[in-house]
Amino acid sequence: MLTVALPKGRIADETLAIFETIFGETFRFESRKLILEMENFRFLLVRNQDVPAYVAHQAADIGVVGLDVIEEQGHDIVRLLDLGIGKCRVCVGIREEDELDWNRPQMTVASKMVNITRNYFSQKAMGVEVIKLYGSIELAPLVGLADAIVDIVETGTTMRENGLKVAETIMESSAHLIANKHSYLEKKEEILSLYEAMKRVVDGA
């Protein structure tokens, strides 16, 4: 049996739809249940940010999570497949009237993605103070808490509606199939078989 960690919400629904295409059966969690057992699979419904931890610590053999979360957390896991769902960008946002000045000695940036932010600004040879926020990040530049934000952008509407604009795109992200390193060795046949089947669906074969 393979244990699969899925993030709650749209990505879980779209991943289960791929399983339905492969196996020709309905894969659905009952209302408030967090575990779904079907065929040779056990699905766990967890918070998006927790998926890599479940996989890294082998509470799940495989999981589906955004590339941004994988990059931010840096767990030692196997990346198997870009599923092409849950597409978004990680962007630097600033106030509409501001410009991004890379000649400044330092910037203050608000984000929940501390590592991605630090790495990006260090590549630009700029000192950065990162203020970790968990929500309503768009407020930070408006009230003087930060010079800029680093956040997930799907359409850019939320930023625009709050008087911000995208200054730079740090990375493109989409949901990836990942595996625990030990599980990948112990259950290689099962995992690769599922990988091949999912790849055919993703590629539209």
C-alpha atoms as a PDB file:
ATOM      1  CA  MET A   1       0.000   0.000   0.000  1.00  0.00           C
ATOM      2  CA  LEU A   2       1.199   3.494  -0.840  1.00  0.00           C
ATOM      3  CA  THR A   3       0.421   6.363   1.538  1.00  0.00           C
ATOM      4  CA  VAL A   4      -0.138   9.647  -0.305  1.00  0.00           C
ATOM      5  CA  ALA A   5      -0.099  13.079   1.393  1.00  0.00           C
ATOM      6  CA  LEU A   6      -2.324  15.626  -0.350  1.00  0.00           C
ATOM      7  CA  PRO A   7      -2.786  19.335   0.417  1.00  0.00           C
ATOM      8  CA  LYS A   8      -6.347  20.345   1.296  1.00  0.00           C
ATOM      9  CA  GLY A   9      -8.246  22.172  -1.423  1.00  0.00           C
ATOM     10  CA  ARG A  10      -8.016  22.400  -5.183  1.00  0.00           C
ATOM     11  CA  ILE A  11      -4.734  20.537  -5.624  1.00  0.00           C
ATOM     12  CA  ALA A  12      -6.107  17.526  -3.710  1.00  0.00           C
ATOM     13  CA  ASP A  13      -9.237  17.542  -5.888  1.00  0.00           C
ATOM     14  CA  GLU A  14      -7.237  17.795  -9.107  1.00  0.00           C
ATOM     15  CA  THR A  15      -4.802  15.068  -8.003  1.00  0.00           C
ATOM     16  CA  LEU A  16      -7.670  12.726  -7.105  1.00  0.00           C
ATOM     17  CA  ALA A  17      -9.159  13.452 -10.544  1.00  0.00           C
ATOM     18  CA  ILE A  18      -5.894  12.121 -12.053  1.00  0.00           C
ATOM     19  CA  PHE A  19      -6.291   8.942  -9.954  1.00  0.00           C
ATOM     20  CA  GLU A  20      -9.885   8.639 -11.161  1.00  0.00           C
ATOM     21  CA  THR A  21      -8.687   8.852 -14.776  1.00  0.00           C
ATOM     22  CA  ILE A  22      -6.053   6.164 -14.139  1.00  0.00           C
ATOM     23  CA  PHE A  23      -8.172   3.700 -12.159  1.00  0.00           C
ATOM     24  CA  GLY A  24     -11.681   4.454 -13.446  1.00  0.00           C
ATOM     25  CA  GLU A  25     -13.075   4.759  -9.924  1.00  0.00           C
ATOM     26  CA  THR A  26     -14.262   7.613  -7.736  1.00  0.00           C
ATOM     27  CA  PHE A  27     -11.726   8.891  -5.207  1.00  0.00           C
ATOM     28  CA  ARG A  28     -13.487  11.164  -2.696  1.00  0.00           C
ATOM     29  CA  PHE A  29     -12.925  12.038   0.945  1.00  0.00           C
ATOM     30  CA  GLU A  30     -16.049  11.794   3.118  1.00  0.00           C
ATOM     31  CA  SER A  31     -17.076  15.171   4.553  1.00  0.00           C
ATOM     32  CA  ARG A  32     -14.688  15.749   7.461  1.00  0.00           C
ATOM     33  CA  LYS A  33     -12.464  12.701   7.184  1.00  0.00           C
ATOM     34  CA  LEU A  34      -8.733  13.176   6.742  1.00  0.00           C
ATOM     35  CA  ILE A  35      -7.934   9.616   5.614  1.00  0.00           C
ATOM     36  CA  LEU A  36      -9.237   7.869   2.499  1.00  0.00           C
ATOM     37  CA  GLU A  37      -8.369   4.223   1.846  1.00  0.00           C
ATOM     38  CA  MET A  38      -8.948   2.833  -1.648  1.00  0.00           C
ATOM     39  CA  GLU A  39      -7.436  -0.049  -3.573  1.00  0.00           C
ATOM     40  CA  ASN A  40      -3.740  -0.039  -2.685  1.00  0.00           C
ATOM     41  CA  PHE A  41      -3.684   3.552  -1.537  1.00  0.00           C
ATOM     42  CA  ARG A  42      -4.166   5.477   1.657  1.00  0.00           C
ATOM     43  CA  PHE A  43      -4.617   9.231   1.139  1.00  0.00           C
ATOM     44  CA  LEU A  44      -3.940  11.747   3.907  1.00  0.00           C
ATOM     45  CA  LEU A  45      -5.425  15.241   3.749  1.00  0.00           C
ATOM     46  CA  VAL A  46      -2.976  17.695   5.350  1.00  0.00           C
ATOM     47  CA  ARG A  47      -2.065  21.373   5.265  1.00  0.00           C
ATOM     48  CA  ASN A  48      -0.207  22.402   2.147  1.00  0.00           C
ATOM     49  CA  GLN A  49       2.944  23.400   4.067  1.00  0.00           C
ATOM     50  CA  ASP A  50       2.960  20.078   5.944  1.00  0.00           C
ATOM     51  CA  VAL A  51       3.092  17.773   2.904  1.00  0.00           C
ATOM     52  CA  PRO A  52       6.922  17.730   2.594  1.00  0.00           C
ATOM     53  CA  ALA A  53       7.278  16.957   6.330  1.00  0.00           C
ATOM     54  CA  TYR A  54       4.925  13.955   6.075  1.00  0.00           C
ATOM     55  CA  VAL A  55       6.912  12.680   3.091  1.00  0.00           C
ATOM     56  CA  ALA A  56      10.388  13.467   4.485  1.00  0.00           C
ATOM     57  CA  HIS A  57       9.610  11.625   7.739  1.00  0.00           C
ATOM     58  CA  GLN A  58       7.975   8.690   5.881  1.00  0.00           C
ATOM     59  CA  ALA A  59       4.515   9.177   7.388  1.00  0.00           C
ATOM     60  CA  ALA A  60       3.635   9.236   3.670  1.00  0.00           C
ATOM     61  CA  ASP A  61       5.502   7.460   0.857  1.00  0.00           C
ATOM     62  CA  ILE A  62       4.638  10.100  -1.704  1.00  0.00           C
ATOM     63  CA  GLY A  63       2.929  13.474  -1.775  1.00  0.00           C
ATOM     64  CA  VAL A  64       1.786  16.322  -3.983  1.00  0.00           C
ATOM     65  CA  VAL A  65       2.855  19.867  -3.178  1.00  0.00           C
ATOM     66  CA  GLY A  66       3.803  23.138  -4.848  1.00  0.00           C
ATOM     67  CA  LEU A  67       7.384  23.689  -5.967  1.00  0.00           C
ATOM     68  CA  ASP A  68       7.434  26.898  -3.896  1.00  0.00           C
ATOM     69  CA  VAL A  69       6.850  24.874  -0.701  1.00  0.00           C
ATOM     70  CA  ILE A  70       9.531  22.338  -1.703  1.00  0.00           C
ATOM     71  CA  GLU A  71      12.056  25.126  -2.347  1.00  0.00           C
ATOM     72  CA  GLU A  72      11.158  26.999   0.836  1.00  0.00           C
ATOM     73  CA  GLN A  73      11.493  23.992   3.130  1.00  0.00           C
ATOM     74  CA  GLY A  74      14.465  22.243   1.517  1.00  0.00           C
ATOM     75  CA  HIS A  75      13.594  18.724   2.751  1.00  0.00           C
ATOM     76  CA  ASP A  76      15.646  15.800   1.425  1.00  0.00           C
ATOM     77  CA  ILE A  77      13.044  14.198  -0.852  1.00  0.00           C
ATOM     78  CA  VAL A  78      12.798  12.815  -4.388  1.00  0.00           C
ATOM     79  CA  ARG A  79      11.111  15.057  -6.969  1.00  0.00           C
ATOM     80  CA  LEU A  80       9.320  12.851  -9.456  1.00  0.00           C
ATOM     81  CA  LEU A  81       6.921  14.774 -11.676  1.00  0.00           C
ATOM     82  CA  ASP A  82       5.562  18.243 -12.410  1.00  0.00           C
ATOM     83  CA  LEU A  83       1.794  17.690 -12.486  1.00  0.00           C
ATOM     84  CA  GLY A  84       1.137  21.043 -14.160  1.00  0.00           C
ATOM     85  CA  ILE A  85      -1.658  21.918 -11.718  1.00  0.00           C
ATOM     86  CA  GLY A  86      -1.861  24.658  -9.081  1.00  0.00           C
ATOM     87  CA  LYS A  87       0.215  27.002 -11.223  1.00  0.00           C
ATOM     88  CA  CYS A  88       1.336  30.262  -9.668  1.00  0.00           C
ATOM     89  CA  ARG A  89       4.360  32.548  -9.336  1.00  0.00           C
ATOM     90  CA  VAL A  90       6.419  33.685  -6.377  1.00  0.00           C
ATOM     91  CA  CYS A  91       6.843  37.439  -6.864  1.00  0.00           C
ATOM     92  CA  VAL A  92       8.294  40.544  -5.293  1.00  0.00           C
ATOM     93  CA  GLY A  93       5.532  43.096  -4.772  1.00  0.00           C
ATOM     94  CA  ILE A  94       5.969  46.803  -4.099  1.00  0.00           C
ATOM     95  CA  ARG A  95       3.708  49.858  -3.853  1.00  0.00           C
ATOM     96  CA  GLU A  96       2.329  51.043  -7.189  1.00  0.00           C
ATOM     97  CA  GLU A  97       4.256  54.310  -7.011  1.00  0.00           C
ATOM     98  CA  ASP A  98       7.597  52.701  -5.983  1.00  0.00           C
ATOM     99  CA  GLU A  99      10.440  51.265  -8.054  1.00  0.00           C
ATOM    100  CA  LEU A 100      12.703  48.423  -7.001  1.00  0.00           C
ATOM    101  CA  ASP A 101      16.141  49.906  -6.358  1.00  0.00           C
ATOM    102  CA  TRP A 102      18.874  47.255  -6.258  1.00  0.00           C
ATOM    103  CA  ASN A 103      21.496  49.878  -5.332  1.00  0.00           C
ATOM    104  CA  ARG A 104      20.101  50.318  -1.849  1.00  0.00           C
ATOM    105  CA  PRO A 105      22.223  48.772   0.923  1.00  0.00           C
ATOM    106  CA  GLN A 106      19.278  46.957   2.515  1.00  0.00           C
ATOM    107  CA  MET A 107      15.565  46.287   2.208  1.00  0.00           C
ATOM    108  CA  THR A 108      12.895  45.094   4.600  1.00  0.00           C
ATOM    109  CA  VAL A 109      10.674  42.442   3.047  1.00  0.00           C
ATOM    110  CA  ALA A 110       7.549  40.824   4.493  1.00  0.00           C
ATOM    111  CA  SER A 111       6.857  37.210   3.525  1.00  0.00           C
ATOM    112  CA  LYS A 112       5.946  33.795   4.801  1.00  0.00           C
ATOM    113  CA  MET A 113       8.635  32.395   2.445  1.00  0.00           C
ATOM    114  CA  VAL A 114      11.680  33.414   4.442  1.00  0.00           C
ATOM    115  CA  ASN A 115      14.256  31.145   2.764  1.00  0.00           C
ATOM    116  CA  ILE A 116      13.194  31.871  -0.815  1.00  0.00           C
ATOM    117  CA  THR A 117      13.259  35.599   0.008  1.00  0.00           C
ATOM    118  CA  ARG A 118      16.704  35.506   1.658  1.00  0.00           C
ATOM    119  CA  ASN A 119      18.203  33.429  -1.169  1.00  0.00           C
ATOM    120  CA  TYR A 120      16.806  35.696  -3.873  1.00  0.00           C
ATOM    121  CA  PHE A 121      17.994  38.940  -2.313  1.00  0.00           C
ATOM    122  CA  SER A 122      21.420  37.484  -1.499  1.00  0.00           C
ATOM    123  CA  GLN A 123      21.786  36.518  -5.186  1.00  0.00           C
ATOM    124  CA  LYS A 124      21.156  40.185  -5.934  1.00  0.00           C
ATOM    125  CA  ALA A 125      23.874  41.085  -3.402  1.00  0.00           C
ATOM    126  CA  MET A 126      21.394  43.047  -1.306  1.00  0.00           C
ATOM    127  CA  GLY A 127      21.066  42.905   2.455  1.00  0.00           C
ATOM    128  CA  VAL A 128      17.559  41.950   3.527  1.00  0.00           C
ATOM    129  CA  GLU A 129      15.605  41.900   6.764  1.00  0.00           C
ATOM    130  CA  VAL A 130      12.730  39.423   6.397  1.00  0.00           C
ATOM    131  CA  ILE A 131       9.656  39.924   8.555  1.00  0.00           C
ATOM    132  CA  LYS A 132       7.702  36.666   8.673  1.00  0.00           C
ATOM    133  CA  LEU A 133       3.958  37.177   8.260  1.00  0.00           C
ATOM    134  CA  TYR A 134       1.303  34.512   7.883  1.00  0.00           C
ATOM    135  CA  GLY A 135      -1.451  36.445   6.137  1.00  0.00           C
ATOM    136  CA  SER A 136      -2.616  39.805   4.743  1.00  0.00           C
ATOM    137  CA  ILE A 137       0.953  40.317   3.559  1.00  0.00           C
ATOM    138  CA  GLU A 138      -0.147  43.046   1.114  1.00  0.00           C
ATOM    139  CA  LEU A 139      -0.687  45.378   4.086  1.00  0.00           C
ATOM    140  CA  ALA A 140       3.012  45.483   5.019  1.00  0.00           C
ATOM    141  CA  PRO A 141       4.234  48.042   2.410  1.00  0.00           C
ATOM    142  CA  LEU A 142       1.059  50.116   2.769  1.00  0.00           C
ATOM    143  CA  VAL A 143       1.571  50.757   6.490  1.00  0.00           C
ATOM    144  CA  GLY A 144       5.362  51.095   6.390  1.00  0.00           C
ATOM    145  CA  LEU A 145       6.148  47.708   7.957  1.00  0.00           C
ATOM    146  CA  ALA A 146       8.193  46.654   4.903  1.00  0.00           C
ATOM    147  CA  ASP A 147       9.579  48.064   1.661  1.00  0.00           C
ATOM    148  CA  ALA A 148       8.334  45.073  -0.335  1.00  0.00           C
ATOM    149  CA  ILE A 149       6.658  41.679  -0.042  1.00  0.00           C
ATOM    150  CA  VAL A 150       7.382  38.248  -1.464  1.00  0.00           C
ATOM    151  CA  ASP A 151       4.175  36.323  -2.029  1.00  0.00           C
ATOM    152  CA  ILE A 152       2.334  33.821  -4.207  1.00  0.00           C
ATOM    153  CA  VAL A 153       0.638  35.417  -7.210  1.00  0.00           C
ATOM    154  CA  GLU A 154      -1.924  33.670  -9.397  1.00  0.00           C
ATOM    155  CA  THR A 155      -3.514  36.519 -11.331  1.00  0.00           C
ATOM    156  CA  GLY A 156      -2.067  39.578  -9.591  1.00  0.00           C
ATOM    157  CA  THR A 157      -5.543  40.878  -8.770  1.00  0.00           C
ATOM    158  CA  THR A 158      -5.058  40.872  -4.984  1.00  0.00           C
ATOM    159  CA  MET A 159      -1.908  42.975  -5.287  1.00  0.00           C
ATOM    160  CA  ARG A 160      -3.519  45.437  -7.709  1.00  0.00           C
ATOM    161  CA  GLU A 161      -6.608  45.836  -5.546  1.00  0.00           C
ATOM    162  CA  ASN A 162      -4.345  46.728  -2.633  1.00  0.00           C
ATOM    163  CA  GLY A 163      -2.276  49.327  -4.485  1.00  0.00           C
ATOM    164  CA  LEU A 164       0.697  47.046  -5.155  1.00  0.00           C
ATOM    165  CA  LYS A 165       2.368  45.808  -8.329  1.00  0.00           C
ATOM    166  CA  VAL A 166       4.575  42.857  -9.232  1.00  0.00           C
ATOM    167  CA  ALA A 167       8.158  44.133  -9.491  1.00  0.00           C
ATOM    168  CA  GLU A 168       9.900  40.812 -10.215  1.00  0.00           C
ATOM    169  CA  THR A 169       9.067  37.137 -10.567  1.00  0.00           C
ATOM    170  CA  ILE A 170      11.326  34.955  -8.417  1.00  0.00           C
ATOM    171  CA  MET A 171      10.047  31.585  -9.629  1.00  0.00           C
ATOM    172  CA  GLU A 172       7.214  29.787 -11.378  1.00  0.00           C
ATOM    173  CA  SER A 173       5.524  27.114  -9.294  1.00  0.00           C
ATOM    174  CA  SER A 174       3.167  24.197  -9.855  1.00  0.00           C
ATOM    175  CA  ALA A 175       2.291  21.029  -7.947  1.00  0.00           C
ATOM    176  CA  HIS A 176       4.917  18.277  -8.009  1.00  0.00           C
ATOM    177  CA  LEU A 177       4.753  14.585  -7.138  1.00  0.00           C
ATOM    178  CA  ILE A 178       7.426  13.886  -4.519  1.00  0.00           C
ATOM    179  CA  ALA A 179       8.600  10.722  -2.743  1.00  0.00           C
ATOM    180  CA  ASN A 180      10.355   9.732   0.448  1.00  0.00           C
ATOM    181  CA  LYS A 181      13.891   8.500  -0.328  1.00  0.00           C
ATOM    182  CA  HIS A 182      13.537   5.233   1.613  1.00  0.00           C
ATOM    183  CA  SER A 183      10.049   4.551   0.239  1.00  0.00           C
ATOM    184  CA  TYR A 184      11.404   5.166  -3.254  1.00  0.00           C
ATOM    185  CA  LEU A 185      13.887   2.328  -2.755  1.00  0.00           C
ATOM    186  CA  GLU A 186      11.592   0.007  -0.794  1.00  0.00           C
ATOM    187  CA  LYS A 187       8.513   0.454  -3.021  1.00  0.00           C
ATOM    188  CA  LYS A 188      10.226   1.457  -6.244  1.00  0.00           C
ATOM    189  CA  GLU A 189       8.064  -0.717  -8.500  1.00  0.00           C
ATOM    190  CA  GLU A 190       4.773   0.624  -7.107  1.00  0.00           C
ATOM    191  CA  ILE A 191       5.945   4.231  -7.112  1.00  0.00           C
ATOM    192  CA  LEU A 192       7.376   4.098 -10.638  1.00  0.00           C
ATOM    193  CA  SER A 193       4.259   2.350 -11.934  1.00  0.00           C
ATOM    194  CA  LEU A 194       2.089   5.145 -10.491  1.00  0.00           C
ATOM    195  CA  TYR A 195       4.542   7.769 -11.792  1.00  0.00           C
ATOM    196  CA  GLU A 196       4.275   6.371 -15.338  1.00  0.00           C
ATOM    197  CA  ALA A 197       0.459   6.296 -15.160  1.00  0.00           C
ATOM    198  CA  MET A 198       0.270   9.854 -13.816  1.00  0.00           C
ATOM    199  CA  LYS A 199       2.758  11.072 -16.413  1.00  0.00           C
ATOM    200  CA  ARG A 200       0.569   9.674 -19.214  1.00  0.00           C
ATOM    201  CA  VAL A 201      -2.451  11.578 -17.851  1.00  0.00           C
ATOM    202  CA  VAL A 202      -0.452  14.790 -17.385  1.00  0.00           C
ATOM    203  CA  ASP A 203       1.028  14.517 -20.880  1.00  0.00           C
ATOM    204  CA  GLY A 204      -2.449  13.823 -22.293  1.00  0.00           C
ATOM    205  CA  ALA A 205      -1.308  10.478 -23.733  1.00  0.00           C
END
